[in-house]
């Protein structure tokens, strides 16, 4: 069969899913890249056709494309993913871009910049910051050893292993602060779990394939913010910054905690859909 015929077949079977999913799966089987599918004029090899049909079937169960092909893109970089880690979202790029902007505004005064990434998962935040910033030292923490192994692969893939220390720790445990390899940071960044426990079963099917510990924010979705915000004050340098991804329904609650913990210059940023998605503030005391 031709590539165009296989695309039609895939779209017919996956008519409830985005059309670009079909093209991504075929590109993976042909090893052509997304744009290369349109240029593929020969008959698709039998092994690639059989593999493609198998992947179409898997996608039909709701399994996200990045888990099927084992990779995704974030900040223009390639990342390995598996069901041990949350799939990086485009909205999180807003958080990374804002952290880059903040760090570039003060690096002429303080070098190298020290960054703590809490709940690193695939390492998408830490690796992106290491890739697009010059003189930085990053500590990337996660409770999952399996996630850390993937994050380490992604650091190696993107040639930034020398800038990142990956650290296994539970941020909710009391001795968390005592176990970190660096004690003072210019920036602390986190995209913590923020879905209410009671709402996880109502999430879209695709999200329910992702690791529950990476989305479950406790009874009110605030469990991690209530820990991270006050604890970060003990780790940040004076005039250091805390930057967090948030669910838009949590912005006022998170802002109140930051005010209570004496953060200054607090700002909330919207995502591409106009929803509040990022909040950051400065440790001025």
C-alpha atoms as a PDB file:
ATOM      1  CA  UNK A   1       0.000   0.000   0.000  1.00  0.00           C
ATOM      2  CA  UNK A   2       1.013   3.597  -0.530  1.00  0.00           C
ATOM      3  CA  UNK A   3       1.542   5.988   2.362  1.00  0.00           C
ATOM      4  CA  UNK A   4      -1.514   7.999   1.314  1.00  0.00           C
ATOM      5  CA  UNK A   5      -3.666   4.853   1.461  1.00  0.00           C
ATOM      6  CA  UNK A   6      -2.365   3.976   4.915  1.00  0.00           C
ATOM      7  CA  UNK A   7      -3.107   7.495   6.133  1.00  0.00           C
ATOM      8  CA  UNK A   8      -6.703   7.151   4.928  1.00  0.00           C
ATOM      9  CA  UNK A   9      -6.961   3.781   6.643  1.00  0.00           C
ATOM     10  CA  UNK A  10      -5.637   5.201   9.876  1.00  0.00           C
ATOM     11  CA  UNK A  11      -7.919   8.223   9.796  1.00  0.00           C
ATOM     12  CA  UNK A  12     -10.933   5.975   9.251  1.00  0.00           C
ATOM     13  CA  UNK A  13     -10.031   3.799  12.243  1.00  0.00           C
ATOM     14  CA  UNK A  14      -9.060   6.712  14.483  1.00  0.00           C
ATOM     15  CA  UNK A  15     -11.712   9.237  13.476  1.00  0.00           C
ATOM     16  CA  UNK A  16     -12.211  10.246  17.111  1.00  0.00           C
ATOM     17  CA  UNK A  17      -8.570  11.218  17.530  1.00  0.00           C
ATOM     18  CA  UNK A  18      -6.519  14.121  16.088  1.00  0.00           C
ATOM     19  CA  UNK A  19      -5.549  13.492  12.455  1.00  0.00           C
ATOM     20  CA  UNK A  20      -1.887  14.271  13.071  1.00  0.00           C
ATOM     21  CA  UNK A  21      -1.717  11.166  15.335  1.00  0.00           C
ATOM     22  CA  UNK A  22      -2.029   8.965  12.258  1.00  0.00           C
ATOM     23  CA  UNK A  23       0.746  10.804  10.436  1.00  0.00           C
ATOM     24  CA  UNK A  24       3.020  10.631  13.497  1.00  0.00           C
ATOM     25  CA  UNK A  25       2.538   6.864  13.760  1.00  0.00           C
ATOM     26  CA  UNK A  26       3.245   6.306  10.068  1.00  0.00           C
ATOM     27  CA  UNK A  27       6.286   8.599  10.193  1.00  0.00           C
ATOM     28  CA  UNK A  28       7.600   6.533  13.099  1.00  0.00           C
ATOM     29  CA  UNK A  29       7.173   3.289  11.167  1.00  0.00           C
ATOM     30  CA  UNK A  30       8.787   4.703   8.037  1.00  0.00           C
ATOM     31  CA  UNK A  31      11.486   6.562   9.977  1.00  0.00           C
ATOM     32  CA  UNK A  32      10.934   9.574   7.728  1.00  0.00           C
ATOM     33  CA  UNK A  33      10.003  12.364  10.109  1.00  0.00           C
ATOM     34  CA  UNK A  34       6.558  13.939  10.179  1.00  0.00           C
ATOM     35  CA  UNK A  35       6.985  15.984   6.988  1.00  0.00           C
ATOM     36  CA  UNK A  36       8.621  13.097   5.149  1.00  0.00           C
ATOM     37  CA  UNK A  37       5.395  11.075   5.046  1.00  0.00           C
ATOM     38  CA  UNK A  38       3.998  13.335   2.317  1.00  0.00           C
ATOM     39  CA  UNK A  39       7.116  12.753   0.209  1.00  0.00           C
ATOM     40  CA  UNK A  40       7.083   8.965   0.549  1.00  0.00           C
ATOM     41  CA  UNK A  41       6.024   7.813  -2.920  1.00  0.00           C
ATOM     42  CA  UNK A  42       7.110   4.150  -2.934  1.00  0.00           C
ATOM     43  CA  UNK A  43       5.066   1.238  -1.674  1.00  0.00           C
ATOM     44  CA  UNK A  44       5.356   0.997   2.099  1.00  0.00           C
ATOM     45  CA  UNK A  45       7.406  -2.094   3.063  1.00  0.00           C
ATOM     46  CA  UNK A  46       5.320  -4.954   4.460  1.00  0.00           C
ATOM     47  CA  UNK A  47       7.042  -4.856   7.848  1.00  0.00           C
ATOM     48  CA  UNK A  48       6.336  -1.122   8.191  1.00  0.00           C
ATOM     49  CA  UNK A  49       2.717  -1.565   7.105  1.00  0.00           C
ATOM     50  CA  UNK A  50       2.145  -4.347   9.637  1.00  0.00           C
ATOM     51  CA  UNK A  51       3.807  -2.303  12.385  1.00  0.00           C
ATOM     52  CA  UNK A  52       1.717   0.747  11.503  1.00  0.00           C
ATOM     53  CA  UNK A  53      -1.544  -1.226  11.695  1.00  0.00           C
ATOM     54  CA  UNK A  54      -0.482  -2.587  15.068  1.00  0.00           C
ATOM     55  CA  UNK A  55       0.208   0.933  16.367  1.00  0.00           C
ATOM     56  CA  UNK A  56      -3.130   2.160  15.018  1.00  0.00           C
ATOM     57  CA  UNK A  57      -4.824  -0.564  17.053  1.00  0.00           C
ATOM     58  CA  UNK A  58      -2.928   0.472  20.186  1.00  0.00           C
ATOM     59  CA  UNK A  59      -3.856   4.118  19.638  1.00  0.00           C
ATOM     60  CA  UNK A  60      -7.491   3.040  19.343  1.00  0.00           C
ATOM     61  CA  UNK A  61      -7.386   1.917  22.988  1.00  0.00           C
ATOM     62  CA  UNK A  62      -6.616   5.501  24.005  1.00  0.00           C
ATOM     63  CA  UNK A  63      -2.901   4.979  24.610  1.00  0.00           C
ATOM     64  CA  UNK A  64      -1.204   8.336  23.847  1.00  0.00           C
ATOM     65  CA  UNK A  65       1.025   8.519  20.776  1.00  0.00           C
ATOM     66  CA  UNK A  66       4.184   9.501  22.754  1.00  0.00           C
ATOM     67  CA  UNK A  67       3.898   6.303  24.802  1.00  0.00           C
ATOM     68  CA  UNK A  68       3.394   4.259  21.628  1.00  0.00           C
ATOM     69  CA  UNK A  69       6.449   5.632  19.804  1.00  0.00           C
ATOM     70  CA  UNK A  70       8.475   6.232  22.970  1.00  0.00           C
ATOM     71  CA  UNK A  71       9.287   9.884  22.374  1.00  0.00           C
ATOM     72  CA  UNK A  72       7.892  13.390  22.114  1.00  0.00           C
ATOM     73  CA  UNK A  73       9.032  16.957  21.503  1.00  0.00           C
ATOM     74  CA  UNK A  74       9.294  19.759  24.054  1.00  0.00           C
ATOM     75  CA  UNK A  75      10.909  23.174  23.588  1.00  0.00           C
ATOM     76  CA  UNK A  76      12.124  22.010  20.185  1.00  0.00           C
ATOM     77  CA  UNK A  77      14.025  19.103  21.775  1.00  0.00           C
ATOM     78  CA  UNK A  78      13.499  15.352  21.597  1.00  0.00           C
ATOM     79  CA  UNK A  79      12.568  13.502  24.795  1.00  0.00           C
ATOM     80  CA  UNK A  80      12.194   9.819  25.526  1.00  0.00           C
ATOM     81  CA  UNK A  81       9.005   8.988  27.411  1.00  0.00           C
ATOM     82  CA  UNK A  82       7.363   5.913  28.864  1.00  0.00           C
ATOM     83  CA  UNK A  83       4.392   5.244  31.104  1.00  0.00           C
ATOM     84  CA  UNK A  84       6.665   5.917  34.094  1.00  0.00           C
ATOM     85  CA  UNK A  85       6.593   9.657  33.332  1.00  0.00           C
ATOM     86  CA  UNK A  86       4.060  12.352  32.534  1.00  0.00           C
ATOM     87  CA  UNK A  87       4.046  13.346  28.868  1.00  0.00           C
ATOM     88  CA  UNK A  88       5.465  16.900  28.554  1.00  0.00           C
ATOM     89  CA  UNK A  89       2.801  19.453  27.595  1.00  0.00           C
ATOM     90  CA  UNK A  90       3.123  22.508  25.398  1.00  0.00           C
ATOM     91  CA  UNK A  91       1.692  24.642  28.216  1.00  0.00           C
ATOM     92  CA  UNK A  92       4.726  23.846  30.364  1.00  0.00           C
ATOM     93  CA  UNK A  93       6.926  25.567  27.790  1.00  0.00           C
ATOM     94  CA  UNK A  94       5.516  28.853  29.142  1.00  0.00           C
ATOM     95  CA  UNK A  95       6.989  28.006  32.560  1.00  0.00           C
ATOM     96  CA  UNK A  96      10.379  27.136  31.049  1.00  0.00           C
ATOM     97  CA  UNK A  97      10.479  30.258  28.875  1.00  0.00           C
ATOM     98  CA  UNK A  98       9.689  32.492  31.858  1.00  0.00           C
ATOM     99  CA  UNK A  99      12.393  30.870  33.992  1.00  0.00           C
ATOM    100  CA  UNK A 100      14.889  31.408  31.161  1.00  0.00           C
ATOM    101  CA  UNK A 101      13.885  35.068  30.990  1.00  0.00           C
ATOM    102  CA  UNK A 102      14.265  35.519  34.764  1.00  0.00           C
ATOM    103  CA  UNK A 103      17.674  33.848  34.874  1.00  0.00           C
ATOM    104  CA  UNK A 104      19.006  35.833  31.932  1.00  0.00           C
ATOM    105  CA  UNK A 105      17.994  39.022  33.729  1.00  0.00           C
ATOM    106  CA  UNK A 106      20.398  38.411  36.617  1.00  0.00           C
ATOM    107  CA  UNK A 107      23.158  36.074  35.404  1.00  0.00           C
ATOM    108  CA  UNK A 108      25.492  38.998  34.780  1.00  0.00           C
ATOM    109  CA  UNK A 109      25.576  39.431  38.536  1.00  0.00           C
ATOM    110  CA  UNK A 110      25.591  35.840  39.737  1.00  0.00           C
ATOM    111  CA  UNK A 111      27.338  32.955  37.975  1.00  0.00           C
ATOM    112  CA  UNK A 112      26.663  30.082  37.750  1.00  0.00           C
ATOM    113  CA  UNK A 113      22.911  30.094  38.339  1.00  0.00           C
ATOM    114  CA  UNK A 114      21.664  27.306  40.577  1.00  0.00           C
ATOM    115  CA  UNK A 115      18.278  25.745  39.810  1.00  0.00           C
ATOM    116  CA  UNK A 116      16.163  23.166  41.630  1.00  0.00           C
ATOM    117  CA  UNK A 117      13.584  21.280  39.555  1.00  0.00           C
ATOM    118  CA  UNK A 118      11.089  19.585  41.888  1.00  0.00           C
ATOM    119  CA  UNK A 119       9.312  16.563  40.390  1.00  0.00           C
ATOM    120  CA  UNK A 120      11.417  16.383  37.251  1.00  0.00           C
ATOM    121  CA  UNK A 121       9.643  13.404  35.638  1.00  0.00           C
ATOM    122  CA  UNK A 122      11.047  13.007  32.126  1.00  0.00           C
ATOM    123  CA  UNK A 123      13.464  15.837  32.872  1.00  0.00           C
ATOM    124  CA  UNK A 124      11.852  18.077  30.272  1.00  0.00           C
ATOM    125  CA  UNK A 125      12.114  21.229  32.387  1.00  0.00           C
ATOM    126  CA  UNK A 126      15.636  20.614  33.701  1.00  0.00           C
ATOM    127  CA  UNK A 127      17.023  19.466  30.356  1.00  0.00           C
ATOM    128  CA  UNK A 128      15.465  22.386  28.475  1.00  0.00           C
ATOM    129  CA  UNK A 129      16.857  24.899  30.953  1.00  0.00           C
ATOM    130  CA  UNK A 130      20.285  23.289  30.754  1.00  0.00           C
ATOM    131  CA  UNK A 131      20.151  23.317  26.957  1.00  0.00           C
ATOM    132  CA  UNK A 132      19.104  26.942  26.527  1.00  0.00           C
ATOM    133  CA  UNK A 133      21.063  28.504  29.383  1.00  0.00           C
ATOM    134  CA  UNK A 134      24.808  28.814  29.598  1.00  0.00           C
ATOM    135  CA  UNK A 135      26.356  28.599  33.046  1.00  0.00           C
ATOM    136  CA  UNK A 136      23.856  26.733  35.215  1.00  0.00           C
ATOM    137  CA  UNK A 137      23.932  24.005  37.810  1.00  0.00           C
ATOM    138  CA  UNK A 138      20.651  22.117  38.109  1.00  0.00           C
ATOM    139  CA  UNK A 139      19.433  19.624  40.701  1.00  0.00           C
ATOM    140  CA  UNK A 140      16.476  17.605  39.377  1.00  0.00           C
ATOM    141  CA  UNK A 141      14.507  15.694  42.005  1.00  0.00           C
ATOM    142  CA  UNK A 142      11.888  12.979  41.681  1.00  0.00           C
ATOM    143  CA  UNK A 143      10.336  10.342  43.922  1.00  0.00           C
ATOM    144  CA  UNK A 144      10.370   7.782  41.097  1.00  0.00           C
ATOM    145  CA  UNK A 145      13.642   6.022  40.341  1.00  0.00           C
ATOM    146  CA  UNK A 146      12.188   4.849  37.026  1.00  0.00           C
ATOM    147  CA  UNK A 147      11.427   8.452  36.055  1.00  0.00           C
ATOM    148  CA  UNK A 148      14.943   9.528  36.994  1.00  0.00           C
ATOM    149  CA  UNK A 149      16.424   6.881  34.707  1.00  0.00           C
ATOM    150  CA  UNK A 150      14.428   8.301  31.809  1.00  0.00           C
ATOM    151  CA  UNK A 151      15.413  11.864  32.764  1.00  0.00           C
ATOM    152  CA  UNK A 152      19.074  10.845  32.772  1.00  0.00           C
ATOM    153  CA  UNK A 153      18.662   9.365  29.277  1.00  0.00           C
ATOM    154  CA  UNK A 154      17.124  12.629  28.104  1.00  0.00           C
ATOM    155  CA  UNK A 155      19.969  14.663  29.553  1.00  0.00           C
ATOM    156  CA  UNK A 156      22.445  12.448  27.714  1.00  0.00           C
ATOM    157  CA  UNK A 157      20.379  12.615  24.515  1.00  0.00           C
ATOM    158  CA  UNK A 158      20.481  16.414  24.599  1.00  0.00           C
ATOM    159  CA  UNK A 159      24.134  16.641  25.711  1.00  0.00           C
ATOM    160  CA  UNK A 160      23.522  18.372  29.058  1.00  0.00           C
ATOM    161  CA  UNK A 161      24.398  15.617  31.529  1.00  0.00           C
ATOM    162  CA  UNK A 162      27.278  17.683  32.896  1.00  0.00           C
ATOM    163  CA  UNK A 163      24.896  20.436  34.016  1.00  0.00           C
ATOM    164  CA  UNK A 164      22.348  18.322  35.921  1.00  0.00           C
ATOM    165  CA  UNK A 165      22.451  16.276  39.110  1.00  0.00           C
ATOM    166  CA  UNK A 166      19.526  13.845  39.273  1.00  0.00           C
ATOM    167  CA  UNK A 167      18.438  13.157  42.825  1.00  0.00           C
ATOM    168  CA  UNK A 168      16.016  10.607  44.270  1.00  0.00           C
ATOM    169  CA  UNK A 169      13.919  12.116  47.049  1.00  0.00           C
ATOM    170  CA  UNK A 170      10.349  12.474  48.261  1.00  0.00           C
ATOM    171  CA  UNK A 171       9.540  16.173  48.496  1.00  0.00           C
ATOM    172  CA  UNK A 172       6.691  15.463  50.914  1.00  0.00           C
ATOM    173  CA  UNK A 173       8.967  13.822  53.481  1.00  0.00           C
ATOM    174  CA  UNK A 174      10.367  15.763  56.422  1.00  0.00           C
ATOM    175  CA  UNK A 175      14.101  15.179  55.711  1.00  0.00           C
ATOM    176  CA  UNK A 176      13.772  16.402  52.123  1.00  0.00           C
ATOM    177  CA  UNK A 177      15.803  19.566  52.708  1.00  0.00           C
ATOM    178  CA  UNK A 178      18.628  17.760  54.451  1.00  0.00           C
ATOM    179  CA  UNK A 179      19.268  15.333  51.598  1.00  0.00           C
ATOM    180  CA  UNK A 180      19.753  17.776  48.711  1.00  0.00           C
ATOM    181  CA  UNK A 181      23.257  18.120  47.212  1.00  0.00           C
ATOM    182  CA  UNK A 182      22.902  21.924  46.904  1.00  0.00           C
ATOM    183  CA  UNK A 183      21.353  24.062  49.658  1.00  0.00           C
ATOM    184  CA  UNK A 184      20.902  27.495  48.068  1.00  0.00           C
ATOM    185  CA  UNK A 185      19.225  28.193  44.742  1.00  0.00           C
ATOM    186  CA  UNK A 186      18.626  31.156  42.469  1.00  0.00           C
ATOM    187  CA  UNK A 187      15.510  29.549  41.032  1.00  0.00           C
ATOM    188  CA  UNK A 188      13.195  26.768  42.178  1.00  0.00           C
ATOM    189  CA  UNK A 189      10.843  25.493  39.493  1.00  0.00           C
ATOM    190  CA  UNK A 190       8.150  22.838  39.608  1.00  0.00           C
ATOM    191  CA  UNK A 191       5.229  21.450  37.666  1.00  0.00           C
ATOM    192  CA  UNK A 192       3.700  19.476  40.544  1.00  0.00           C
ATOM    193  CA  UNK A 193       0.636  17.218  40.486  1.00  0.00           C
ATOM    194  CA  UNK A 194      -2.463  19.385  40.920  1.00  0.00           C
ATOM    195  CA  UNK A 195      -5.517  17.290  39.979  1.00  0.00           C
ATOM    196  CA  UNK A 196      -7.910  16.557  42.856  1.00  0.00           C
ATOM    197  CA  UNK A 197      -7.850  12.873  43.805  1.00  0.00           C
ATOM    198  CA  UNK A 198     -11.615  12.600  43.351  1.00  0.00           C
ATOM    199  CA  UNK A 199     -11.376  13.915  39.775  1.00  0.00           C
ATOM    200  CA  UNK A 200      -8.734  11.545  38.427  1.00  0.00           C
ATOM    201  CA  UNK A 201     -11.303   8.952  37.345  1.00  0.00           C
ATOM    202  CA  UNK A 202     -13.058  11.664  35.314  1.00  0.00           C
ATOM    203  CA  UNK A 203      -9.950  12.687  33.378  1.00  0.00           C
ATOM    204  CA  UNK A 204      -9.764  12.014  29.635  1.00  0.00           C
ATOM    205  CA  UNK A 205      -8.865   8.432  28.811  1.00  0.00           C
ATOM    206  CA  UNK A 206      -5.415   9.420  27.544  1.00  0.00           C
ATOM    207  CA  UNK A 207      -4.453  11.095  30.818  1.00  0.00           C
ATOM    208  CA  UNK A 208      -5.506   8.038  32.792  1.00  0.00           C
ATOM    209  CA  UNK A 209      -2.705   6.098  31.070  1.00  0.00           C
ATOM    210  CA  UNK A 210      -0.172   8.412  32.720  1.00  0.00           C
ATOM    211  CA  UNK A 211       1.330   7.655  36.165  1.00  0.00           C
ATOM    212  CA  UNK A 212      -1.191   8.569  38.852  1.00  0.00           C
ATOM    213  CA  UNK A 213       1.434   9.916  41.243  1.00  0.00           C
ATOM    214  CA  UNK A 214       2.332  12.514  38.596  1.00  0.00           C
ATOM    215  CA  UNK A 215      -1.179  13.986  38.478  1.00  0.00           C
ATOM    216  CA  UNK A 216      -2.704  13.357  41.931  1.00  0.00           C
ATOM    217  CA  UNK A 217      -2.517  16.560  43.970  1.00  0.00           C
ATOM    218  CA  UNK A 218      -4.465  15.263  46.953  1.00  0.00           C
ATOM    219  CA  UNK A 219      -8.005  15.965  48.136  1.00  0.00           C
ATOM    220  CA  UNK A 220      -8.027  19.602  46.988  1.00  0.00           C
ATOM    221  CA  UNK A 221      -5.174  19.470  44.479  1.00  0.00           C
ATOM    222  CA  UNK A 222      -3.070  21.695  46.736  1.00  0.00           C
ATOM    223  CA  UNK A 223      -0.952  19.123  48.579  1.00  0.00           C
ATOM    224  CA  UNK A 224       2.293  19.841  46.749  1.00  0.00           C
ATOM    225  CA  UNK A 225       1.923  23.619  46.681  1.00  0.00           C
ATOM    226  CA  UNK A 226       1.357  23.650  50.448  1.00  0.00           C
ATOM    227  CA  UNK A 227       4.683  21.849  50.861  1.00  0.00           C
ATOM    228  CA  UNK A 228       6.781  23.390  48.086  1.00  0.00           C
ATOM    229  CA  UNK A 229       6.013  27.077  48.672  1.00  0.00           C
ATOM    230  CA  UNK A 230       7.055  27.380  52.365  1.00  0.00           C
ATOM    231  CA  UNK A 231       9.927  24.906  51.999  1.00  0.00           C
ATOM    232  CA  UNK A 232      11.322  26.799  49.022  1.00  0.00           C
ATOM    233  CA  UNK A 233      11.849  29.860  51.203  1.00  0.00           C
ATOM    234  CA  UNK A 234      14.437  27.851  53.138  1.00  0.00           C
ATOM    235  CA  UNK A 235      16.285  26.904  49.941  1.00  0.00           C
ATOM    236  CA  UNK A 236      16.200  30.088  47.901  1.00  0.00           C
ATOM    237  CA  UNK A 237      18.897  32.724  47.979  1.00  0.00           C
ATOM    238  CA  UNK A 238      17.805  36.243  48.800  1.00  0.00           C
ATOM    239  CA  UNK A 239      16.090  37.657  45.714  1.00  0.00           C
ATOM    240  CA  UNK A 240      15.738  34.137  44.324  1.00  0.00           C
ATOM    241  CA  UNK A 241      12.594  33.104  42.491  1.00  0.00           C
ATOM    242  CA  UNK A 242       9.982  30.370  42.811  1.00  0.00           C
ATOM    243  CA  UNK A 243       8.143  29.479  39.575  1.00  0.00           C
ATOM    244  CA  UNK A 244       5.273  26.997  39.442  1.00  0.00           C
ATOM    245  CA  UNK A 245       2.854  25.574  36.933  1.00  0.00           C
ATOM    246  CA  UNK A 246      -0.712  25.670  38.250  1.00  0.00           C
ATOM    247  CA  UNK A 247      -4.197  24.603  37.325  1.00  0.00           C
ATOM    248  CA  UNK A 248      -6.191  27.750  36.543  1.00  0.00           C
ATOM    249  CA  UNK A 249      -8.636  26.896  39.335  1.00  0.00           C
ATOM    250  CA  UNK A 250      -5.797  27.087  41.894  1.00  0.00           C
ATOM    251  CA  UNK A 251      -4.300  30.460  41.070  1.00  0.00           C
ATOM    252  CA  UNK A 252      -5.915  32.393  43.919  1.00  0.00           C
ATOM    253  CA  UNK A 253      -5.166  29.703  46.488  1.00  0.00           C
ATOM    254  CA  UNK A 254      -1.531  29.432  45.397  1.00  0.00           C
ATOM    255  CA  UNK A 255      -1.171  33.207  45.378  1.00  0.00           C
ATOM    256  CA  UNK A 256      -2.488  33.410  48.967  1.00  0.00           C
ATOM    257  CA  UNK A 257       0.090  30.865  50.156  1.00  0.00           C
ATOM    258  CA  UNK A 258       2.875  32.776  48.403  1.00  0.00           C
ATOM    259  CA  UNK A 259       1.734  36.027  50.028  1.00  0.00           C
ATOM    260  CA  UNK A 260       1.559  34.321  53.405  1.00  0.00           C
ATOM    261  CA  UNK A 261       5.123  33.059  52.930  1.00  0.00           C
ATOM    262  CA  UNK A 262       6.304  36.611  52.114  1.00  0.00           C
ATOM    263  CA  UNK A 263       6.983  36.172  48.412  1.00  0.00           C
ATOM    264  CA  UNK A 264       7.051  39.458  46.542  1.00  0.00           C
ATOM    265  CA  UNK A 265       6.498  40.529  42.921  1.00  0.00           C
ATOM    266  CA  UNK A 266       4.019  37.691  42.402  1.00  0.00           C
ATOM    267  CA  UNK A 267       2.795  37.344  38.830  1.00  0.00           C
ATOM    268  CA  UNK A 268       0.350  34.955  37.148  1.00  0.00           C
ATOM    269  CA  UNK A 269       0.689  34.121  33.432  1.00  0.00           C
ATOM    270  CA  UNK A 270      -1.882  32.667  31.070  1.00  0.00           C
ATOM    271  CA  UNK A 271      -1.403  29.747  28.712  1.00  0.00           C
ATOM    272  CA  UNK A 272      -2.201  29.664  25.001  1.00  0.00           C
ATOM    273  CA  UNK A 273      -5.896  29.137  25.779  1.00  0.00           C
ATOM    274  CA  UNK A 274      -6.067  32.149  28.071  1.00  0.00           C
ATOM    275  CA  UNK A 275      -6.157  30.040  31.253  1.00  0.00           C
ATOM    276  CA  UNK A 276      -3.950  30.935  34.213  1.00  0.00           C
ATOM    277  CA  UNK A 277      -1.067  28.456  34.032  1.00  0.00           C
ATOM    278  CA  UNK A 278       2.134  29.810  35.630  1.00  0.00           C
ATOM    279  CA  UNK A 279       2.783  31.733  38.843  1.00  0.00           C
ATOM    280  CA  UNK A 280       6.090  33.038  40.127  1.00  0.00           C
ATOM    281  CA  UNK A 281       7.364  35.257  42.903  1.00  0.00           C
ATOM    282  CA  UNK A 282      10.584  36.531  44.472  1.00  0.00           C
ATOM    283  CA  UNK A 283      12.123  35.782  47.836  1.00  0.00           C
ATOM    284  CA  UNK A 284      12.979  39.367  48.790  1.00  0.00           C
ATOM    285  CA  UNK A 285      13.453  38.893  52.570  1.00  0.00           C
END
